[in-house]
Amino acid sequence: TVSGIIFSITPMGWYRQAPGKQRELVARIRS
């Protein structure tokens, strides 16, 4: 749930970080 931005035009994404690993992009969606 997102607040404080113009959500409809803002790219959104999911990242993940496993123990001992760098954060990585999982998926991204544009407007």
PDB file of all heavy atoms in Angstrom:
ATOM      1  N   THR A   1       0.851  -1.178   0.000  1.00  0.00           N
ATOM      2  CA  THR A   1       0.000   0.000   0.000  1.00  0.00           C
ATOM      3  C   THR A   1       0.891   1.235   0.000  1.00  0.00           C
ATOM      4  O   THR A   1       1.821   1.342   0.808  1.00  0.00           O
ATOM      5  CB  THR A   1      -0.909   0.017   1.236  1.00  0.00           C
ATOM      6  OG1 THR A   1      -1.692  -1.180   1.251  1.00  0.00           O
ATOM      7  CG2 THR A   1      -1.843   1.212   1.206  1.00  0.00           C
ATOM      8  N   VAL A   2       0.596   2.162  -0.902  1.00  0.00           N
ATOM      9  CA  VAL A   2       1.466   3.320  -1.123  1.00  0.00           C
ATOM     10  C   VAL A   2       0.698   4.612  -0.865  1.00  0.00           C
ATOM     11  O   VAL A   2      -0.462   4.752  -1.263  1.00  0.00           O
ATOM     12  CB  VAL A   2       2.000   3.312  -2.561  1.00  0.00           C
ATOM     13  CG1 VAL A   2       2.999   4.454  -2.771  1.00  0.00           C
ATOM     14  CG2 VAL A   2       2.648   1.974  -2.887  1.00  0.00           C
ATOM     15  N   SER A   3       1.361   5.562  -0.233  1.00  0.00           N
ATOM     16  CA  SER A   3       0.783   6.886  -0.033  1.00  0.00           C
ATOM     17  C   SER A   3       1.880   7.937  -0.173  1.00  0.00           C
ATOM     18  O   SER A   3       3.063   7.650  -0.041  1.00  0.00           O
ATOM     19  CB  SER A   3       0.119   6.982   1.340  1.00  0.00           C
ATOM     20  OG  SER A   3       1.067   6.763   2.361  1.00  0.00           O
ATOM     21  N   GLY A   4       1.445   9.155  -0.485  1.00  0.00           N
ATOM     22  CA  GLY A   4       2.384  10.267  -0.544  1.00  0.00           C
ATOM     23  C   GLY A   4       3.009  10.529  -1.896  1.00  0.00           C
ATOM     24  O   GLY A   4       3.873  11.412  -2.014  1.00  0.00           O
ATOM     25  N   ILE A   5       2.603   9.780  -2.925  1.00  0.00           N
ATOM     26  CA  ILE A   5       3.108  10.008  -4.275  1.00  0.00           C
ATOM     27  C   ILE A   5       1.935   9.953  -5.254  1.00  0.00           C
ATOM     28  O   ILE A   5       0.841   9.522  -4.891  1.00  0.00           O
ATOM     29  CB  ILE A   5       4.160   8.959  -4.706  1.00  0.00           C
ATOM     30  CG1 ILE A   5       3.562   7.533  -4.650  1.00  0.00           C
ATOM     31  CG2 ILE A   5       5.399   9.053  -3.853  1.00  0.00           C
ATOM     32  CD1 ILE A   5       4.475   6.462  -5.200  1.00  0.00           C
ATOM     33  N   ILE A   6       2.186  10.438  -6.466  1.00  0.00           N
ATOM     34  CA  ILE A   6       1.169  10.297  -7.522  1.00  0.00           C
ATOM     35  C   ILE A   6       1.318   8.888  -8.062  1.00  0.00           C
ATOM     36  O   ILE A   6       2.098   8.630  -8.991  1.00  0.00           O
ATOM     37  CB  ILE A   6       1.352  11.357  -8.616  1.00  0.00           C
ATOM     38  CG1 ILE A   6       1.329  12.747  -7.981  1.00  0.00           C
ATOM     39  CG2 ILE A   6       0.249  11.226  -9.665  1.00  0.00           C
ATOM     40  CD1 ILE A   6       1.629  13.871  -8.961  1.00  0.00           C
ATOM     41  N   PHE A   7       0.578   7.970  -7.470  1.00  0.00           N
ATOM     42  CA  PHE A   7       0.820   6.552  -7.685  1.00  0.00           C
ATOM     43  C   PHE A   7       0.671   6.149  -9.149  1.00  0.00           C
ATOM     44  O   PHE A   7       1.473   5.377  -9.668  1.00  0.00           O
ATOM     45  CB  PHE A   7      -0.146   5.739  -6.822  1.00  0.00           C
ATOM     46  CG  PHE A   7       0.032   4.253  -6.938  1.00  0.00           C
ATOM     47  CD1 PHE A   7       1.003   3.604  -6.203  1.00  0.00           C
ATOM     48  CD2 PHE A   7      -0.765   3.510  -7.802  1.00  0.00           C
ATOM     49  CE1 PHE A   7       1.182   2.231  -6.314  1.00  0.00           C
ATOM     50  CE2 PHE A   7      -0.600   2.143  -7.920  1.00  0.00           C
ATOM     51  CZ  PHE A   7       0.379   1.503  -7.167  1.00  0.00           C
ATOM     52  N   SER A   8      -0.331   6.686  -9.806  1.00  0.00           N
ATOM     53  CA  SER A   8      -0.683   6.190 -11.145  1.00  0.00           C
ATOM     54  C   SER A   8       0.435   6.374 -12.159  1.00  0.00           C
ATOM     55  O   SER A   8       0.489   5.643 -13.153  1.00  0.00           O
ATOM     56  CB  SER A   8      -1.956   6.872 -11.644  1.00  0.00           C
ATOM     57  OG  SER A   8      -1.759   8.275 -11.723  1.00  0.00           O
ATOM     58  N   ILE A   9       1.336   7.326 -11.936  1.00  0.00           N
ATOM     59  CA  ILE A   9       2.398   7.563 -12.914  1.00  0.00           C
ATOM     60  C   ILE A   9       3.755   7.053 -12.439  1.00  0.00           C
ATOM     61  O   ILE A   9       4.750   7.184 -13.152  1.00  0.00           O
ATOM     62  CB  ILE A   9       2.530   9.069 -13.265  1.00  0.00           C
ATOM     63  CG1 ILE A   9       2.964   9.876 -12.037  1.00  0.00           C
ATOM     64  CG2 ILE A   9       1.226   9.601 -13.841  1.00  0.00           C
ATOM     65  CD1 ILE A   9       3.342  11.305 -12.354  1.00  0.00           C
ATOM     66  N   THR A  10       3.792   6.490 -11.252  1.00  0.00           N
ATOM     67  CA  THR A  10       5.070   6.111 -10.642  1.00  0.00           C
ATOM     68  C   THR A  10       5.395   4.644 -10.901  1.00  0.00           C
ATOM     69  O   THR A  10       4.576   3.777 -10.600  1.00  0.00           O
ATOM     70  CB  THR A  10       5.035   6.347  -9.126  1.00  0.00           C
ATOM     71  OG1 THR A  10       4.733   7.721  -8.858  1.00  0.00           O
ATOM     72  CG2 THR A  10       6.367   5.995  -8.498  1.00  0.00           C
ATOM     73  N   PRO A  11       6.580   4.362 -11.435  1.00  0.00           N
ATOM     74  CA  PRO A  11       6.996   2.964 -11.572  1.00  0.00           C
ATOM     75  C   PRO A  11       7.108   2.309 -10.193  1.00  0.00           C
ATOM     76  O   PRO A  11       7.559   2.941  -9.228  1.00  0.00           O
ATOM     77  CB  PRO A  11       8.371   3.057 -12.237  1.00  0.00           C
ATOM     78  CG  PRO A  11       8.387   4.386 -12.906  1.00  0.00           C
ATOM     79  CD  PRO A  11       7.573   5.279 -12.024  1.00  0.00           C
ATOM     80  N   MET A  12       6.681   1.044 -10.131  1.00  0.00           N
ATOM     81  CA  MET A  12       6.712   0.301  -8.882  1.00  0.00           C
ATOM     82  C   MET A  12       7.486  -0.994  -9.094  1.00  0.00           C
ATOM     83  O   MET A  12       7.526  -1.542 -10.204  1.00  0.00           O
ATOM     84  CB  MET A  12       5.289  -0.044  -8.429  1.00  0.00           C
ATOM     85  CG  MET A  12       4.415   1.157  -8.134  1.00  0.00           C
ATOM     86  SD  MET A  12       4.985   2.112  -6.712  1.00  0.00           S
ATOM     87  CE  MET A  12       4.981   0.865  -5.424  1.00  0.00           C
ATOM     88  N   GLY A  13       8.053  -1.492  -8.014  1.00  0.00           N
ATOM     89  CA  GLY A  13       8.793  -2.738  -8.145  1.00  0.00           C
ATOM     90  C   GLY A  13       8.832  -3.519  -6.853  1.00  0.00           C
ATOM     91  O   GLY A  13       8.442  -3.032  -5.793  1.00  0.00           O
ATOM     92  N   TRP A  14       9.254  -4.761  -7.000  1.00  0.00           N
ATOM     93  CA  TRP A  14       9.542  -5.626  -5.860  1.00  0.00           C
ATOM     94  C   TRP A  14      10.997  -6.069  -5.957  1.00  0.00           C
ATOM     95  O   TRP A  14      11.448  -6.494  -7.032  1.00  0.00           O
ATOM     96  CB  TRP A  14       8.631  -6.858  -5.854  1.00  0.00           C
ATOM     97  CG  TRP A  14       7.214  -6.563  -5.490  1.00  0.00           C
ATOM     98  CD1 TRP A  14       6.180  -6.330  -6.349  1.00  0.00           C
ATOM     99  CD2 TRP A  14       6.675  -6.485  -4.171  1.00  0.00           C
ATOM    100  NE1 TRP A  14       5.033  -6.095  -5.635  1.00  0.00           N
ATOM    101  CE2 TRP A  14       5.305  -6.198  -4.298  1.00  0.00           C
ATOM    102  CE3 TRP A  14       7.206  -6.634  -2.889  1.00  0.00           C
ATOM    103  CZ2 TRP A  14       4.463  -6.047  -3.192  1.00  0.00           C
ATOM    104  CZ3 TRP A  14       6.372  -6.487  -1.797  1.00  0.00           C
ATOM    105  CH2 TRP A  14       5.021  -6.202  -1.953  1.00  0.00           C
ATOM    106  N   TYR A  15      11.699  -5.961  -4.845  1.00  0.00           N
ATOM    107  CA  TYR A  15      13.060  -6.447  -4.727  1.00  0.00           C
ATOM    108  C   TYR A  15      13.087  -7.481  -3.605  1.00  0.00           C
ATOM    109  O   TYR A  15      12.151  -7.562  -2.798  1.00  0.00           O
ATOM    110  CB  TYR A  15      14.018  -5.301  -4.372  1.00  0.00           C
ATOM    111  CG  TYR A  15      14.331  -4.358  -5.512  1.00  0.00           C
ATOM    112  CD1 TYR A  15      13.379  -3.486  -6.004  1.00  0.00           C
ATOM    113  CD2 TYR A  15      15.606  -4.330  -6.079  1.00  0.00           C
ATOM    114  CE1 TYR A  15      13.672  -2.611  -7.038  1.00  0.00           C
ATOM    115  CE2 TYR A  15      15.919  -3.462  -7.110  1.00  0.00           C
ATOM    116  CZ  TYR A  15      14.950  -2.603  -7.583  1.00  0.00           C
ATOM    117  OH  TYR A  15      15.262  -1.744  -8.614  1.00  0.00           O
ATOM    118  N   ARG A  16      14.164  -8.230  -3.550  1.00  0.00           N
ATOM    119  CA  ARG A  16      14.335  -9.166  -2.439  1.00  0.00           C
ATOM    120  C   ARG A  16      15.799  -9.241  -2.037  1.00  0.00           C
ATOM    121  O   ARG A  16      16.691  -8.984  -2.847  1.00  0.00           O
ATOM    122  CB  ARG A  16      13.809 -10.554  -2.792  1.00  0.00           C
ATOM    123  CG  ARG A  16      14.584 -11.277  -3.877  1.00  0.00           C
ATOM    124  CD  ARG A  16      13.886 -12.596  -4.227  1.00  0.00           C
ATOM    125  NE  ARG A  16      14.607 -13.330  -5.261  1.00  0.00           N
ATOM    126  CZ  ARG A  16      14.142 -14.435  -5.852  1.00  0.00           C
ATOM    127  NH1 ARG A  16      12.948 -14.920  -5.495  1.00  0.00           N
ATOM    128  NH2 ARG A  16      14.855 -15.054  -6.772  1.00  0.00           N
ATOM    129  N   GLN A  17      16.000  -9.617  -0.792  1.00  0.00           N
ATOM    130  CA  GLN A  17      17.351  -9.781  -0.281  1.00  0.00           C
ATOM    131  C   GLN A  17      17.405 -11.009   0.600  1.00  0.00           C
ATOM    132  O   GLN A  17      16.729 -11.071   1.638  1.00  0.00           O
ATOM    133  CB  GLN A  17      17.811  -8.548   0.492  1.00  0.00           C
ATOM    134  CG  GLN A  17      19.273  -8.595   0.894  1.00  0.00           C
ATOM    135  CD  GLN A  17      19.788  -7.252   1.372  1.00  0.00           C
ATOM    136  OE1 GLN A  17      19.026  -6.365   1.734  1.00  0.00           O
ATOM    137  NE2 GLN A  17      21.109  -7.087   1.359  1.00  0.00           N
ATOM    138  N   ALA A  18      18.190 -11.978   0.178  1.00  0.00           N
ATOM    139  CA  ALA A  18      18.395 -13.192   0.939  1.00  0.00           C
ATOM    140  C   ALA A  18      19.604 -13.002   1.856  1.00  0.00           C
ATOM    141  O   ALA A  18      20.467 -12.156   1.587  1.00  0.00           O
ATOM    142  CB  ALA A  18      18.626 -14.372   0.001  1.00  0.00           C
ATOM    143  N   PRO A  19      19.684 -13.771   2.933  1.00  0.00           N
ATOM    144  CA  PRO A  19      20.821 -13.638   3.859  1.00  0.00           C
ATOM    145  C   PRO A  19      22.155 -13.792   3.139  1.00  0.00           C
ATOM    146  O   PRO A  19      22.361 -14.738   2.378  1.00  0.00           O
ATOM    147  CB  PRO A  19      20.586 -14.775   4.851  1.00  0.00           C
ATOM    148  CG  PRO A  19      19.121 -15.006   4.827  1.00  0.00           C
ATOM    149  CD  PRO A  19      18.708 -14.760   3.409  1.00  0.00           C
ATOM    150  N   GLY A  20      23.050 -12.836   3.364  1.00  0.00           N
ATOM    151  CA  GLY A  20      24.369 -12.904   2.765  1.00  0.00           C
ATOM    152  C   GLY A  20      24.444 -12.525   1.311  1.00  0.00           C
ATOM    153  O   GLY A  20      25.505 -12.644   0.680  1.00  0.00           O
ATOM    154  N   LYS A  21      23.319 -12.075   0.743  1.00  0.00           N
ATOM    155  CA  LYS A  21      23.291 -11.711  -0.677  1.00  0.00           C
ATOM    156  C   LYS A  21      22.879 -10.267  -0.849  1.00  0.00           C
ATOM    157  O   LYS A  21      22.295  -9.656   0.038  1.00  0.00           O
ATOM    158  CB  LYS A  21      22.336 -12.634  -1.443  1.00  0.00           C
ATOM    159  CG  LYS A  21      22.778 -14.089  -1.485  1.00  0.00           C
ATOM    160  CD  LYS A  21      21.883 -14.890  -2.399  1.00  0.00           C
ATOM    161  CE  LYS A  21      22.365 -16.331  -2.508  1.00  0.00           C
ATOM    162  NZ  LYS A  21      21.512 -17.128  -3.435  1.00  0.00           N
ATOM    163  N   GLN A  22      23.180  -9.736  -2.027  1.00  0.00           N
ATOM    164  CA  GLN A  22      22.766  -8.378  -2.338  1.00  0.00           C
ATOM    165  C   GLN A  22      21.280  -8.320  -2.671  1.00  0.00           C
ATOM    166  O   GLN A  22      20.694  -9.317  -3.121  1.00  0.00           O
ATOM    167  CB  GLN A  22      23.585  -7.852  -3.525  1.00  0.00           C
ATOM    168  CG  GLN A  22      25.040  -7.569  -3.199  1.00  0.00           C
ATOM    169  CD  GLN A  22      25.755  -6.828  -4.318  1.00  0.00           C
ATOM    170  OE1 GLN A  22      25.414  -6.998  -5.488  1.00  0.00           O
ATOM    171  NE2 GLN A  22      26.735  -6.021  -3.975  1.00  0.00           N
ATOM    172  N   ARG A  23      20.700  -7.160  -2.451  1.00  0.00           N
ATOM    173  CA  ARG A  23      19.311  -6.959  -2.842  1.00  0.00           C
ATOM    174  C   ARG A  23      19.220  -7.024  -4.365  1.00  0.00           C
ATOM    175  O   ARG A  23      20.048  -6.461  -5.074  1.00  0.00           O
ATOM    176  CB  ARG A  23      18.811  -5.608  -2.327  1.00  0.00           C
ATOM    177  CG  ARG A  23      17.328  -5.417  -2.448  1.00  0.00           C
ATOM    178  CD  ARG A  23      16.883  -4.129  -1.766  1.00  0.00           C
ATOM    179  NE  ARG A  23      17.154  -4.142  -0.333  1.00  0.00           N
ATOM    180  CZ  ARG A  23      16.704  -3.208   0.501  1.00  0.00           C
ATOM    181  NH1 ARG A  23      15.990  -2.189   0.043  1.00  0.00           N
ATOM    182  NH2 ARG A  23      16.986  -3.268   1.775  1.00  0.00           N
ATOM    183  N   GLU A  24      18.189  -7.710  -4.852  1.00  0.00           N
ATOM    184  CA  GLU A  24      18.035  -7.871  -6.294  1.00  0.00           C
ATOM    185  C   GLU A  24      16.610  -7.544  -6.732  1.00  0.00           C
ATOM    186  O   GLU A  24      15.653  -7.747  -5.978  1.00  0.00           O
ATOM    187  CB  GLU A  24      18.379  -9.309  -6.715  1.00  0.00           C
ATOM    188  CG  GLU A  24      17.466 -10.373  -6.134  1.00  0.00           C
ATOM    189  CD  GLU A  24      17.752 -11.766  -6.654  1.00  0.00           C
ATOM    190  OE1 GLU A  24      18.645 -11.940  -7.505  1.00  0.00           O
ATOM    191  OE2 GLU A  24      17.063 -12.710  -6.221  1.00  0.00           O
ATOM    192  N   LEU A  25      16.515  -7.084  -7.967  1.00  0.00           N
ATOM    193  CA  LEU A  25      15.206  -6.802  -8.546  1.00  0.00           C
ATOM    194  C   LEU A  25      14.474  -8.113  -8.834  1.00  0.00           C
ATOM    195  O   LEU A  25      15.037  -9.028  -9.421  1.00  0.00           O
ATOM    196  CB  LEU A  25      15.363  -6.012  -9.835  1.00  0.00           C
ATOM    197  CG  LEU A  25      14.083  -5.755 -10.616  1.00  0.00           C
ATOM    198  CD1 LEU A  25      13.149  -4.823  -9.859  1.00  0.00           C
ATOM    199  CD2 LEU A  25      14.393  -5.191 -12.005  1.00  0.00           C
ATOM    200  N   VAL A  26      13.218  -8.164  -8.410  1.00  0.00           N
ATOM    201  CA  VAL A  26      12.363  -9.313  -8.722  1.00  0.00           C
ATOM    202  C   VAL A  26      11.454  -8.987  -9.905  1.00  0.00           C
ATOM    203  O   VAL A  26      11.388  -9.731 -10.873  1.00  0.00           O
ATOM    204  CB  VAL A  26      11.509  -9.711  -7.505  1.00  0.00           C
ATOM    205  CG1 VAL A  26      10.554 -10.839  -7.867  1.00  0.00           C
ATOM    206  CG2 VAL A  26      12.397 -10.105  -6.339  1.00  0.00           C
ATOM    207  N   ALA A  27      10.757  -7.859  -9.808  1.00  0.00           N
ATOM    208  CA  ALA A  27       9.826  -7.482 -10.869  1.00  0.00           C
ATOM    209  C   ALA A  27       9.562  -5.991 -10.782  1.00  0.00           C
ATOM    210  O   ALA A  27       9.678  -5.396  -9.711  1.00  0.00           O
ATOM    211  CB  ALA A  27       8.511  -8.252 -10.740  1.00  0.00           C
ATOM    212  N   ARG A  28       9.176  -5.426 -11.917  1.00  0.00           N
ATOM    213  CA  ARG A  28       8.934  -3.989 -11.975  1.00  0.00           C
ATOM    214  C   ARG A  28       7.772  -3.740 -12.918  1.00  0.00           C
ATOM    215  O   ARG A  28       7.613  -4.469 -13.936  1.00  0.00           O
ATOM    216  CB  ARG A  28      10.186  -3.267 -12.452  1.00  0.00           C
ATOM    217  CG  ARG A  28      10.169  -1.761 -12.298  1.00  0.00           C
ATOM    218  CD  ARG A  28      11.567  -1.203 -12.447  1.00  0.00           C
ATOM    219  NE  ARG A  28      11.599   0.250 -12.492  1.00  0.00           N
ATOM    220  CZ  ARG A  28      11.557   1.030 -11.418  1.00  0.00           C
ATOM    221  NH1 ARG A  28      11.466   0.492 -10.224  1.00  0.00           N
ATOM    222  NH2 ARG A  28      11.601   2.339 -11.539  1.00  0.00           N
ATOM    223  N   ILE A  29       6.969  -2.734 -12.591  1.00  0.00           N
ATOM    224  CA  ILE A  29       5.833  -2.395 -13.445  1.00  0.00           C
ATOM    225  C   ILE A  29       5.755  -0.887 -13.582  1.00  0.00           C
ATOM    226  O   ILE A  29       5.867  -0.158 -12.605  1.00  0.00           O
ATOM    227  CB  ILE A  29       4.526  -2.991 -12.885  1.00  0.00           C
ATOM    228  CG1 ILE A  29       3.358  -2.727 -13.827  1.00  0.00           C
ATOM    229  CG2 ILE A  29       4.218  -2.462 -11.480  1.00  0.00           C
ATOM    230  CD1 ILE A  29       2.101  -3.555 -13.481  1.00  0.00           C
ATOM    231  N   ARG A  30       5.568  -0.440 -14.795  1.00  0.00           N
ATOM    232  CA  ARG A  30       5.410   0.985 -15.021  1.00  0.00           C
ATOM    233  C   ARG A  30       3.932   1.348 -14.925  1.00  0.00           C
ATOM    234  O   ARG A  30       3.103   0.498 -14.576  1.00  0.00           O
ATOM    235  CB  ARG A  30       6.026   1.343 -16.363  1.00  0.00           C
ATOM    236  CG  ARG A  30       7.538   1.217 -16.365  1.00  0.00           C
ATOM    237  CD  ARG A  30       8.128   1.241 -17.756  1.00  0.00           C
ATOM    238  NE  ARG A  30       7.835   2.489 -18.464  1.00  0.00           N
ATOM    239  CZ  ARG A  30       8.214   2.710 -19.717  1.00  0.00           C
ATOM    240  NH1 ARG A  30       8.879   1.784 -20.384  1.00  0.00           N
ATOM    241  NH2 ARG A  30       7.930   3.848 -20.316  1.00  0.00           N
ATOM    242  N   SER A  31       3.585   2.556 -15.244  1.00  0.00           N
ATOM    243  CA  SER A  31       2.235   3.039 -15.014  1.00  0.00           C
ATOM    244  C   SER A  31       1.208   2.306 -15.858  1.00  0.00           C
ATOM    245  O   SER A  31       0.056   2.183 -15.481  1.00  0.00           O
ATOM    246  CB  SER A  31       2.146   4.533 -15.289  1.00  0.00           C
ATOM    247  OG  SER A  31       2.569   4.824 -16.605  1.00  0.00           O
TER     248      SER A  31
END
